[in-house]
Amino acid sequence: AKYPKAVECLSKDRDALLAFYDFPAEHWTHIRTTNVIESSFATIRHRTRQAKGCVSRITMLTMIYKMGLCAEDSWRKLRGFRHLAKVIEGVKFKDGIKQTEKDKAAA
């Protein structure tokens, strides 16, 4: 391989990298990225740096809370939220499809 260390790292972490296939297919886009979380907190981080020293701890927490509420309006709704109860109950998914007893016996 051209990059043996990279290949070794990917081979070692293969199960973790592909773990999102064990969830409903609708959830895959949400599991593979943390950009939604990072972008939501970027504005809060920027504002708290600008306001540092100008406010008390209580007013800073209040400001962060209010900015979080405003940011919540632009969040996307979780796709496949109807599957959350199944995931919590431990229902198994393979390649994004719910596994039935018949599927498990065939495997």
PDB file of N, CA and C in Angstrom:
ATOM      1  N   ALA A   1       0.840  -1.186   0.000  1.00  0.00           N
ATOM      2  CA  ALA A   1       0.000   0.000   0.000  1.00  0.00           C
ATOM      3  C   ALA A   1       0.881   1.245   0.000  1.00  0.00           C
ATOM      4  N   LYS A   2       0.367   2.280  -0.580  1.00  0.00           N
ATOM      5  CA  LYS A   2       1.126   3.531  -0.675  1.00  0.00           C
ATOM      6  C   LYS A   2       1.273   4.195   0.696  1.00  0.00           C
ATOM      7  N   TYR A   3       0.259   4.068   1.544  1.00  0.00           N
ATOM      8  CA  TYR A   3       0.272   4.656   2.875  1.00  0.00           C
ATOM      9  C   TYR A   3      -0.003   3.571   3.914  1.00  0.00           C
ATOM     10  N   PRO A   4       1.003   2.813   4.299  1.00  0.00           N
ATOM     11  CA  PRO A   4       0.782   1.670   5.188  1.00  0.00           C
ATOM     12  C   PRO A   4       0.231   2.049   6.565  1.00  0.00           C
ATOM     13  N   LYS A   5       0.640   3.188   7.110  1.00  0.00           N
ATOM     14  CA  LYS A   5       0.129   3.587   8.433  1.00  0.00           C
ATOM     15  C   LYS A   5      -1.359   3.915   8.365  1.00  0.00           C
ATOM     16  N   ALA A   6      -1.766   4.563   7.292  1.00  0.00           N
ATOM     17  CA  ALA A   6      -3.186   4.893   7.124  1.00  0.00           C
ATOM     18  C   ALA A   6      -4.009   3.619   6.950  1.00  0.00           C
ATOM     19  N   VAL A   7      -3.502   2.692   6.164  1.00  0.00           N
ATOM     20  CA  VAL A   7      -4.200   1.424   5.948  1.00  0.00           C
ATOM     21  C   VAL A   7      -4.325   0.659   7.258  1.00  0.00           C
ATOM     22  N   GLU A   8      -3.254   0.644   8.031  1.00  0.00           N
ATOM     23  CA  GLU A   8      -3.274  -0.042   9.327  1.00  0.00           C
ATOM     24  C   GLU A   8      -4.301   0.579  10.260  1.00  0.00           C
ATOM     25  N   CYS A   9      -4.333   1.912  10.297  1.00  0.00           N
ATOM     26  CA  CYS A   9      -5.280   2.623  11.168  1.00  0.00           C
ATOM     27  C   CYS A   9      -6.727   2.319  10.746  1.00  0.00           C
ATOM     28  N   LEU A  10      -7.002   2.382   9.448  1.00  0.00           N
ATOM     29  CA  LEU A  10      -8.352   2.106   8.961  1.00  0.00           C
ATOM     30  C   LEU A  10      -8.748   0.654   9.204  1.00  0.00           C
ATOM     31  N   SER A  11      -7.802  -0.259   9.016  1.00  0.00           N
ATOM     32  CA  SER A  11      -8.087  -1.683   9.252  1.00  0.00           C
ATOM     33  C   SER A  11      -8.380  -1.940  10.721  1.00  0.00           C
ATOM     34  N   LYS A  12      -7.605  -1.299  11.578  1.00  0.00           N
ATOM     35  CA  LYS A  12      -7.780  -1.482  13.026  1.00  0.00           C
ATOM     36  C   LYS A  12      -9.140  -0.957  13.493  1.00  0.00           C
ATOM     37  N   ASP A  13      -9.563   0.173  12.955  1.00  0.00           N
ATOM     38  CA  ASP A  13     -10.796   0.828  13.396  1.00  0.00           C
ATOM     39  C   ASP A  13     -11.981   0.556  12.470  1.00  0.00           C
ATOM     40  N   ARG A  14     -11.893  -0.457  11.638  1.00  0.00           N
ATOM     41  CA  ARG A  14     -12.928  -0.747  10.648  1.00  0.00           C
ATOM     42  C   ARG A  14     -14.312  -0.894  11.275  1.00  0.00           C
ATOM     43  N   ASP A  15     -14.417  -1.656  12.355  1.00  0.00           N
ATOM     44  CA  ASP A  15     -15.731  -1.877  12.977  1.00  0.00           C
ATOM     45  C   ASP A  15     -16.344  -0.574  13.476  1.00  0.00           C
ATOM     46  N   ALA A  16     -15.529   0.277  14.076  1.00  0.00           N
ATOM     47  CA  ALA A  16     -16.041   1.559  14.576  1.00  0.00           C
ATOM     48  C   ALA A  16     -16.436   2.475  13.418  1.00  0.00           C
ATOM     49  N   LEU A  17     -15.657   2.471  12.353  1.00  0.00           N
ATOM     50  CA  LEU A  17     -15.951   3.326  11.208  1.00  0.00           C
ATOM     51  C   LEU A  17     -17.244   2.934  10.491  1.00  0.00           C
ATOM     52  N   LEU A  18     -17.564   1.654  10.503  1.00  0.00           N
ATOM     53  CA  LEU A  18     -18.744   1.176   9.796  1.00  0.00           C
ATOM     54  C   LEU A  18     -19.921   0.887  10.728  1.00  0.00           C
ATOM     55  N   ALA A  19     -19.815   1.288  11.988  1.00  0.00           N
ATOM     56  CA  ALA A  19     -20.859   0.997  12.975  1.00  0.00           C
ATOM     57  C   ALA A  19     -22.195   1.648  12.621  1.00  0.00           C
ATOM     58  N   PHE A  20     -22.160   2.752  11.871  1.00  0.00           N
ATOM     59  CA  PHE A  20     -23.430   3.406  11.552  1.00  0.00           C
ATOM     60  C   PHE A  20     -24.333   2.534  10.688  1.00  0.00           C
ATOM     61  N   TYR A  21     -23.795   1.503  10.031  1.00  0.00           N
ATOM     62  CA  TYR A  21     -24.627   0.585   9.252  1.00  0.00           C
ATOM     63  C   TYR A  21     -25.522  -0.275  10.150  1.00  0.00           C
ATOM     64  N   ASP A  22     -25.239  -0.299  11.449  1.00  0.00           N
ATOM     65  CA  ASP A  22     -26.052  -1.065  12.401  1.00  0.00           C
ATOM     66  C   ASP A  22     -27.243  -0.260  12.912  1.00  0.00           C
ATOM     67  N   PHE A  23     -27.502   0.885  12.298  1.00  0.00           N
ATOM     68  CA  PHE A  23     -28.632   1.738  12.658  1.00  0.00           C
ATOM     69  C   PHE A  23     -29.530   1.885  11.443  1.00  0.00           C
ATOM     70  N   PRO A  24     -30.759   2.381  11.644  1.00  0.00           N
ATOM     71  CA  PRO A  24     -31.658   2.583  10.498  1.00  0.00           C
ATOM     72  C   PRO A  24     -31.018   3.508   9.465  1.00  0.00           C
ATOM     73  N   ALA A  25     -31.246   3.230   8.192  1.00  0.00           N
ATOM     74  CA  ALA A  25     -30.631   3.999   7.109  1.00  0.00           C
ATOM     75  C   ALA A  25     -30.950   5.495   7.213  1.00  0.00           C
ATOM     76  N   GLU A  26     -32.123   5.826   7.722  1.00  0.00           N
ATOM     77  CA  GLU A  26     -32.499   7.244   7.845  1.00  0.00           C
ATOM     78  C   GLU A  26     -31.589   7.992   8.812  1.00  0.00           C
ATOM     79  N   HIS A  27     -30.956   7.285   9.732  1.00  0.00           N
ATOM     80  CA  HIS A  27     -30.107   7.918  10.744  1.00  0.00           C
ATOM     81  C   HIS A  27     -28.671   8.121  10.276  1.00  0.00           C
ATOM     82  N   TRP A  28     -28.292   7.506   9.176  1.00  0.00           N
ATOM     83  CA  TRP A  28     -26.886   7.513   8.765  1.00  0.00           C
ATOM     84  C   TRP A  28     -26.309   8.907   8.604  1.00  0.00           C
ATOM     85  N   THR A  29     -27.044   9.814   7.967  1.00  0.00           N
ATOM     86  CA  THR A  29     -26.496  11.153   7.744  1.00  0.00           C
ATOM     87  C   THR A  29     -26.269  11.883   9.062  1.00  0.00           C
ATOM     88  N   HIS A  30     -27.064  11.593  10.061  1.00  0.00           N
ATOM     89  CA  HIS A  30     -26.919  12.255  11.355  1.00  0.00           C
ATOM     90  C   HIS A  30     -25.753  11.665  12.148  1.00  0.00           C
ATOM     91  N   ILE A  31     -25.504  10.388  11.972  1.00  0.00           N
ATOM     92  CA  ILE A  31     -24.449   9.716  12.727  1.00  0.00           C
ATOM     93  C   ILE A  31     -23.080  10.039  12.159  1.00  0.00           C
ATOM     94  N   ARG A  32     -22.963  10.152  10.845  1.00  0.00           N
ATOM     95  CA  ARG A  32     -21.656  10.313  10.211  1.00  0.00           C
ATOM     96  C   ARG A  32     -21.051  11.693  10.386  1.00  0.00           C
ATOM     97  N   THR A  33     -21.806  12.693  10.783  1.00  0.00           N
ATOM     98  CA  THR A  33     -21.259  14.036  10.878  1.00  0.00           C
ATOM     99  C   THR A  33     -21.584  14.679  12.214  1.00  0.00           C
ATOM    100  N   THR A  34     -20.669  15.497  12.689  1.00  0.00           N
ATOM    101  CA  THR A  34     -20.919  16.292  13.890  1.00  0.00           C
ATOM    102  C   THR A  34     -20.993  17.770  13.522  1.00  0.00           C
ATOM    103  N   ASN A  35     -21.036  18.079  12.227  1.00  0.00           N
ATOM    104  CA  ASN A  35     -21.034  19.457  11.778  1.00  0.00           C
ATOM    105  C   ASN A  35     -22.221  20.238  12.335  1.00  0.00           C
ATOM    106  N   VAL A  36     -23.347  19.593  12.487  1.00  0.00           N
ATOM    107  CA  VAL A  36     -24.534  20.275  13.030  1.00  0.00           C
ATOM    108  C   VAL A  36     -24.242  20.785  14.432  1.00  0.00           C
ATOM    109  N   ILE A  37     -23.627  19.953  15.239  1.00  0.00           N
ATOM    110  CA  ILE A  37     -23.292  20.330  16.616  1.00  0.00           C
ATOM    111  C   ILE A  37     -22.236  21.437  16.616  1.00  0.00           C
ATOM    112  N   GLU A  38     -21.207  21.254  15.814  1.00  0.00           N
ATOM    113  CA  GLU A  38     -20.121  22.227  15.780  1.00  0.00           C
ATOM    114  C   GLU A  38     -20.589  23.594  15.314  1.00  0.00           C
ATOM    115  N   SER A  39     -21.407  23.636  14.263  1.00  0.00           N
ATOM    116  CA  SER A  39     -21.855  24.929  13.753  1.00  0.00           C
ATOM    117  C   SER A  39     -22.800  25.625  14.721  1.00  0.00           C
ATOM    118  N   SER A  40     -23.584  24.855  15.462  1.00  0.00           N
ATOM    119  CA  SER A  40     -24.493  25.463  16.443  1.00  0.00           C
ATOM    120  C   SER A  40     -23.728  26.154  17.559  1.00  0.00           C
ATOM    121  N   PHE A  41     -22.657  25.518  17.995  1.00  0.00           N
ATOM    122  CA  PHE A  41     -21.898  26.090  19.101  1.00  0.00           C
ATOM    123  C   PHE A  41     -20.866  27.119  18.662  1.00  0.00           C
ATOM    124  N   ALA A  42     -20.583  27.221  17.367  1.00  0.00           N
ATOM    125  CA  ALA A  42     -19.619  28.205  16.885  1.00  0.00           C
ATOM    126  C   ALA A  42     -20.097  29.624  17.183  1.00  0.00           C
ATOM    127  N   THR A  43     -21.377  29.883  16.935  1.00  0.00           N
ATOM    128  CA  THR A  43     -21.931  31.211  17.205  1.00  0.00           C
ATOM    129  C   THR A  43     -21.887  31.517  18.692  1.00  0.00           C
ATOM    130  N   ILE A  44     -22.254  30.544  19.503  1.00  0.00           N
ATOM    131  CA  ILE A  44     -22.236  30.750  20.954  1.00  0.00           C
ATOM    132  C   ILE A  44     -20.811  31.019  21.432  1.00  0.00           C
ATOM    133  N   ARG A  45     -19.852  30.249  20.925  1.00  0.00           N
ATOM    134  CA  ARG A  45     -18.454  30.434  21.311  1.00  0.00           C
ATOM    135  C   ARG A  45     -17.968  31.831  20.906  1.00  0.00           C
ATOM    136  N   HIS A  46     -18.335  32.259  19.698  1.00  0.00           N
ATOM    137  CA  HIS A  46     -17.936  33.581  19.218  1.00  0.00           C
ATOM    138  C   HIS A  46     -18.522  34.683  20.101  1.00  0.00           C
ATOM    139  N   ARG A  47     -19.791  34.589  20.417  1.00  0.00           N
ATOM    140  CA  ARG A  47     -20.447  35.629  21.226  1.00  0.00           C
ATOM    141  C   ARG A  47     -19.903  35.666  22.651  1.00  0.00           C
ATOM    142  N   THR A  48     -19.626  34.507  23.232  1.00  0.00           N
ATOM    143  CA  THR A  48     -19.132  34.505  24.614  1.00  0.00           C
ATOM    144  C   THR A  48     -17.724  35.104  24.687  1.00  0.00           C
ATOM    145  N   ARG A  49     -16.918  34.901  23.657  1.00  0.00           N
ATOM    146  CA  ARG A  49     -15.589  35.524  23.646  1.00  0.00           C
ATOM    147  C   ARG A  49     -15.703  37.038  23.562  1.00  0.00           C
ATOM    148  N   GLN A  50     -16.640  37.525  22.741  1.00  0.00           N
ATOM    149  CA  GLN A  50     -16.816  38.964  22.579  1.00  0.00           C
ATOM    150  C   GLN A  50     -17.327  39.623  23.862  1.00  0.00           C
ATOM    151  N   ALA A  51     -18.162  38.926  24.607  1.00  0.00           N
ATOM    152  CA  ALA A  51     -18.801  39.493  25.794  1.00  0.00           C
ATOM    153  C   ALA A  51     -18.014  39.231  27.073  1.00  0.00           C
ATOM    154  N   LYS A  52     -16.920  38.506  26.988  1.00  0.00           N
ATOM    155  CA  LYS A  52     -16.149  38.144  28.178  1.00  0.00           C
ATOM    156  C   LYS A  52     -15.726  39.390  28.955  1.00  0.00           C
ATOM    157  N   GLY A  53     -15.911  39.362  30.237  1.00  0.00           N
ATOM    158  CA  GLY A  53     -15.526  40.486  31.090  1.00  0.00           C
ATOM    159  C   GLY A  53     -16.607  41.536  31.235  1.00  0.00           C
ATOM    160  N   CYS A  54     -17.599  41.490  30.362  1.00  0.00           N
ATOM    161  CA  CYS A  54     -18.658  42.502  30.393  1.00  0.00           C
ATOM    162  C   CYS A  54     -19.867  42.045  31.202  1.00  0.00           C
ATOM    163  N   VAL A  55     -19.900  40.799  31.549  1.00  0.00           N
ATOM    164  CA  VAL A  55     -21.094  40.262  32.193  1.00  0.00           C
ATOM    165  C   VAL A  55     -20.711  39.344  33.350  1.00  0.00           C
ATOM    166  N   SER A  56     -21.697  39.045  34.175  1.00  0.00           N
ATOM    167  CA  SER A  56     -21.476  38.100  35.267  1.00  0.00           C
ATOM    168  C   SER A  56     -21.709  36.679  34.751  1.00  0.00           C
ATOM    169  N   ARG A  57     -21.434  35.713  35.591  1.00  0.00           N
ATOM    170  CA  ARG A  57     -21.626  34.310  35.209  1.00  0.00           C
ATOM    171  C   ARG A  57     -23.095  34.025  34.896  1.00  0.00           C
ATOM    172  N   ILE A  58     -23.990  34.547  35.697  1.00  0.00           N
ATOM    173  CA  ILE A  58     -25.431  34.319  35.499  1.00  0.00           C
ATOM    174  C   ILE A  58     -25.897  34.916  34.175  1.00  0.00           C
ATOM    175  N   THR A  59     -25.503  36.153  33.871  1.00  0.00           N
ATOM    176  CA  THR A  59     -25.941  36.761  32.609  1.00  0.00           C
ATOM    177  C   THR A  59     -25.313  36.056  31.409  1.00  0.00           C
ATOM    178  N   MET A  60     -24.084  35.551  31.572  1.00  0.00           N
ATOM    179  CA  MET A  60     -23.440  34.806  30.486  1.00  0.00           C
ATOM    180  C   MET A  60     -24.205  33.507  30.217  1.00  0.00           C
ATOM    181  N   LEU A  61     -24.562  32.775  31.272  1.00  0.00           N
ATOM    182  CA  LEU A  61     -25.328  31.536  31.099  1.00  0.00           C
ATOM    183  C   LEU A  61     -26.691  31.809  30.467  1.00  0.00           C
ATOM    184  N   THR A  62     -27.312  32.898  30.871  1.00  0.00           N
ATOM    185  CA  THR A  62     -28.604  33.280  30.298  1.00  0.00           C
ATOM    186  C   THR A  62     -28.455  33.583  28.819  1.00  0.00           C
ATOM    187  N   MET A  63     -27.402  34.319  28.457  1.00  0.00           N
ATOM    188  CA  MET A  63     -27.169  34.652  27.060  1.00  0.00           C
ATOM    189  C   MET A  63     -26.917  33.383  26.230  1.00  0.00           C
ATOM    190  N   ILE A  64     -26.118  32.463  26.753  1.00  0.00           N
ATOM    191  CA  ILE A  64     -25.827  31.208  26.057  1.00  0.00           C
ATOM    192  C   ILE A  64     -27.113  30.405  25.867  1.00  0.00           C
ATOM    193  N   TYR A  65     -27.928  30.346  26.902  1.00  0.00           N
ATOM    194  CA  TYR A  65     -29.199  29.616  26.830  1.00  0.00           C
ATOM    195  C   TYR A  65     -30.103  30.218  25.749  1.00  0.00           C
ATOM    196  N   LYS A  66     -30.223  31.537  25.733  1.00  0.00           N
ATOM    197  CA  LYS A  66     -31.088  32.205  24.751  1.00  0.00           C
ATOM    198  C   LYS A  66     -30.562  32.014  23.326  1.00  0.00           C
ATOM    199  N   MET A  67     -29.238  32.065  23.151  1.00  0.00           N
ATOM    200  CA  MET A  67     -28.675  31.833  21.819  1.00  0.00           C
ATOM    201  C   MET A  67     -28.911  30.396  21.376  1.00  0.00           C
ATOM    202  N   GLY A  68     -28.854  29.470  22.314  1.00  0.00           N
ATOM    203  CA  GLY A  68     -29.149  28.072  21.997  1.00  0.00           C
ATOM    204  C   GLY A  68     -30.588  27.900  21.555  1.00  0.00           C
ATOM    205  N   LEU A  69     -31.505  28.590  22.218  1.00  0.00           N
ATOM    206  CA  LEU A  69     -32.918  28.533  21.821  1.00  0.00           C
ATOM    207  C   LEU A  69     -33.127  29.096  20.418  1.00  0.00           C
ATOM    208  N   CYS A  70     -32.428  30.193  20.110  1.00  0.00           N
ATOM    209  CA  CYS A  70     -32.543  30.777  18.767  1.00  0.00           C
ATOM    210  C   CYS A  70     -31.955  29.847  17.714  1.00  0.00           C
ATOM    211  N   ALA A  71     -30.831  29.208  18.035  1.00  0.00           N
ATOM    212  CA  ALA A  71     -30.186  28.287  17.090  1.00  0.00           C
ATOM    213  C   ALA A  71     -31.060  27.066  16.835  1.00  0.00           C
ATOM    214  N   GLU A  72     -31.842  26.682  17.836  1.00  0.00           N
ATOM    215  CA  GLU A  72     -32.696  25.503  17.724  1.00  0.00           C
ATOM    216  C   GLU A  72     -33.700  25.636  16.579  1.00  0.00           C
ATOM    217  N   ASP A  73     -34.105  26.858  16.267  1.00  0.00           N
ATOM    218  CA  ASP A  73     -35.076  27.083  15.192  1.00  0.00           C
ATOM    219  C   ASP A  73     -34.553  26.622  13.836  1.00  0.00           C
ATOM    220  N   SER A  74     -33.234  26.664  13.651  1.00  0.00           N
ATOM    221  CA  SER A  74     -32.661  26.304  12.344  1.00  0.00           C
ATOM    222  C   SER A  74     -32.216  24.850  12.275  1.00  0.00           C
ATOM    223  N   TRP A  75     -32.367  24.094  13.354  1.00  0.00           N
ATOM    224  CA  TRP A  75     -31.936  22.688  13.345  1.00  0.00           C
ATOM    225  C   TRP A  75     -32.868  21.859  12.498  1.00  0.00           C
ATOM    226  N   ARG A  76     -32.284  20.900  11.803  1.00  0.00           N
ATOM    227  CA  ARG A  76     -33.088  19.966  11.023  1.00  0.00           C
ATOM    228  C   ARG A  76     -33.706  18.928  11.949  1.00  0.00           C
ATOM    229  N   LYS A  77     -34.895  18.484  11.577  1.00  0.00           N
ATOM    230  CA  LYS A  77     -35.534  17.422  12.347  1.00  0.00           C
ATOM    231  C   LYS A  77     -34.832  16.112  12.014  1.00  0.00           C
ATOM    232  N   LEU A  78     -34.670  15.275  12.994  1.00  0.00           N
ATOM    233  CA  LEU A  78     -34.026  13.988  12.810  1.00  0.00           C
ATOM    234  C   LEU A  78     -34.836  13.131  11.855  1.00  0.00           C
ATOM    235  N   ARG A  79     -34.187  12.665  10.799  1.00  0.00           N
ATOM    236  CA  ARG A  79     -34.857  11.748   9.875  1.00  0.00           C
ATOM    237  C   ARG A  79     -34.982  10.389  10.548  1.00  0.00           C
ATOM    238  N   GLY A  80     -36.095   9.758  10.343  1.00  0.00           N
ATOM    239  CA  GLY A  80     -36.283   8.428  10.902  1.00  0.00           C
ATOM    240  C   GLY A  80     -36.464   8.428  12.405  1.00  0.00           C
ATOM    241  N   PHE A  81     -36.996   9.515  12.960  1.00  0.00           N
ATOM    242  CA  PHE A  81     -37.151   9.592  14.414  1.00  0.00           C
ATOM    243  C   PHE A  81     -38.093   8.511  14.942  1.00  0.00           C
ATOM    244  N   ARG A  82     -38.915   7.956  14.060  1.00  0.00           N
ATOM    245  CA  ARG A  82     -39.821   6.877  14.489  1.00  0.00           C
ATOM    246  C   ARG A  82     -39.054   5.603  14.849  1.00  0.00           C
ATOM    247  N   HIS A  83     -37.821   5.497  14.366  1.00  0.00           N
ATOM    248  CA  HIS A  83     -37.000   4.320  14.651  1.00  0.00           C
ATOM    249  C   HIS A  83     -36.262   4.421  15.990  1.00  0.00           C
ATOM    250  N   LEU A  84     -36.270   5.587  16.611  1.00  0.00           N
ATOM    251  CA  LEU A  84     -35.505   5.769  17.849  1.00  0.00           C
ATOM    252  C   LEU A  84     -35.914   4.784  18.936  1.00  0.00           C
ATOM    253  N   ALA A  85     -37.200   4.558  19.085  1.00  0.00           N
ATOM    254  CA  ALA A  85     -37.667   3.618  20.120  1.00  0.00           C
ATOM    255  C   ALA A  85     -37.114   2.219  19.854  1.00  0.00           C
ATOM    256  N   LYS A  86     -37.076   1.822  18.591  1.00  0.00           N
ATOM    257  CA  LYS A  86     -36.533   0.504  18.247  1.00  0.00           C
ATOM    258  C   LYS A  86     -35.048   0.416  18.581  1.00  0.00           C
ATOM    259  N   VAL A  87     -34.306   1.475  18.269  1.00  0.00           N
ATOM    260  CA  VAL A  87     -32.868   1.492  18.561  1.00  0.00           C
ATOM    261  C   VAL A  87     -32.638   1.409  20.061  1.00  0.00           C
ATOM    262  N   ILE A  88     -33.422   2.151  20.823  1.00  0.00           N
ATOM    263  CA  ILE A  88     -33.286   2.146  22.289  1.00  0.00           C
ATOM    264  C   ILE A  88     -33.643   0.773  22.853  1.00  0.00           C
ATOM    265  N   GLU A  89     -34.635   0.124  22.264  1.00  0.00           N
ATOM    266  CA  GLU A  89     -35.034  -1.212  22.730  1.00  0.00           C
ATOM    267  C   GLU A  89     -34.023  -2.293  22.354  1.00  0.00           C
ATOM    268  N   GLY A  90     -33.069  -1.954  21.494  1.00  0.00           N
ATOM    269  CA  GLY A  90     -32.040  -2.917  21.118  1.00  0.00           C
ATOM    270  C   GLY A  90     -32.353  -3.724  19.880  1.00  0.00           C
ATOM    271  N   VAL A  91     -33.332  -3.278  19.091  1.00  0.00           N
ATOM    272  CA  VAL A  91     -33.639  -3.966  17.832  1.00  0.00           C
ATOM    273  C   VAL A  91     -32.404  -3.870  16.945  1.00  0.00           C
ATOM    274  N   LYS A  92     -32.028  -4.959  16.313  1.00  0.00           N
ATOM    275  CA  LYS A  92     -30.835  -5.007  15.483  1.00  0.00           C
ATOM    276  C   LYS A  92     -31.156  -4.603  14.049  1.00  0.00           C
ATOM    277  N   PHE A  93     -30.253  -3.823  13.467  1.00  0.00           N
ATOM    278  CA  PHE A  93     -30.345  -3.409  12.079  1.00  0.00           C
ATOM    279  C   PHE A  93     -29.079  -3.883  11.374  1.00  0.00           C
ATOM    280  N   LYS A  94     -29.222  -4.296  10.140  1.00  0.00           N
ATOM    281  CA  LYS A  94     -28.062  -4.666   9.335  1.00  0.00           C
ATOM    282  C   LYS A  94     -28.185  -3.949   8.009  1.00  0.00           C
ATOM    283  N   ASP A  95     -27.162  -3.199   7.652  1.00  0.00           N
ATOM    284  CA  ASP A  95     -27.173  -2.377   6.441  1.00  0.00           C
ATOM    285  C   ASP A  95     -28.391  -1.465   6.389  1.00  0.00           C
ATOM    286  N   GLY A  96     -28.819  -0.976   7.566  1.00  0.00           N
ATOM    287  CA  GLY A  96     -29.916  -0.034   7.658  1.00  0.00           C
ATOM    288  C   GLY A  96     -31.302  -0.638   7.660  1.00  0.00           C
ATOM    289  N   ILE A  97     -31.385  -1.952   7.607  1.00  0.00           N
ATOM    290  CA  ILE A  97     -32.681  -2.630   7.552  1.00  0.00           C
ATOM    291  C   ILE A  97     -32.891  -3.419   8.841  1.00  0.00           C
ATOM    292  N   LYS A  98     -34.095  -3.294   9.409  1.00  0.00           N
ATOM    293  CA  LYS A  98     -34.431  -4.002  10.644  1.00  0.00           C
ATOM    294  C   LYS A  98     -34.336  -5.507  10.426  1.00  0.00           C
ATOM    295  N   GLN A  99     -33.651  -6.188  11.332  1.00  0.00           N
ATOM    296  CA  GLN A  99     -33.498  -7.634  11.248  1.00  0.00           C
ATOM    297  C   GLN A  99     -34.658  -8.322  11.966  1.00  0.00           C
ATOM    298  N   THR A 100     -35.255  -9.300  11.313  1.00  0.00           N
ATOM    299  CA  THR A 100     -36.326 -10.082  11.925  1.00  0.00           C
ATOM    300  C   THR A 100     -35.762 -11.416  12.365  1.00  0.00           C
ATOM    301  N   GLU A 101     -36.550 -12.178  13.083  1.00  0.00           N
ATOM    302  CA  GLU A 101     -36.131 -13.498  13.519  1.00  0.00           C
ATOM    303  C   GLU A 101     -35.817 -14.397  12.324  1.00  0.00           C
ATOM    304  N   LYS A 102     -36.592 -14.255  11.252  1.00  0.00           N
ATOM    305  CA  LYS A 102     -36.387 -15.043  10.041  1.00  0.00           C
ATOM    306  C   LYS A 102     -35.017 -14.703   9.418  1.00  0.00           C
ATOM    307  N   ASP A 103     -34.679 -13.395   9.410  1.00  0.00           N
ATOM    308  CA  ASP A 103     -33.387 -12.966   8.860  1.00  0.00           C
ATOM    309  C   ASP A 103     -32.227 -13.516   9.689  1.00  0.00           C
ATOM    310  N   LYS A 104     -32.394 -13.487  11.014  1.00  0.00           N
ATOM    311  CA  LYS A 104     -31.339 -13.976  11.906  1.00  0.00           C
ATOM    312  C   LYS A 104     -31.120 -15.474  11.733  1.00  0.00           C
ATOM    313  N   ALA A 105     -32.210 -16.213  11.542  1.00  0.00           N
ATOM    314  CA  ALA A 105     -32.104 -17.666  11.372  1.00  0.00           C
ATOM    315  C   ALA A 105     -31.443 -18.005  10.039  1.00  0.00           C
ATOM    316  N   ALA A 106     -31.706 -17.202   9.001  1.00  0.00           N
ATOM    317  CA  ALA A 106     -31.133 -17.450   7.690  1.00  0.00           C
ATOM    318  C   ALA A 106     -29.634 -17.168   7.667  1.00  0.00           C
ATOM    319  N   ALA A 107     -29.181 -16.278   8.537  1.00  0.00           N
ATOM    320  CA  ALA A 107     -27.761 -15.899   8.547  1.00  0.00           C
ATOM    321  C   ALA A 107     -26.917 -16.899   9.246  1.00  0.00           C
TER     322      ALA A 107
END
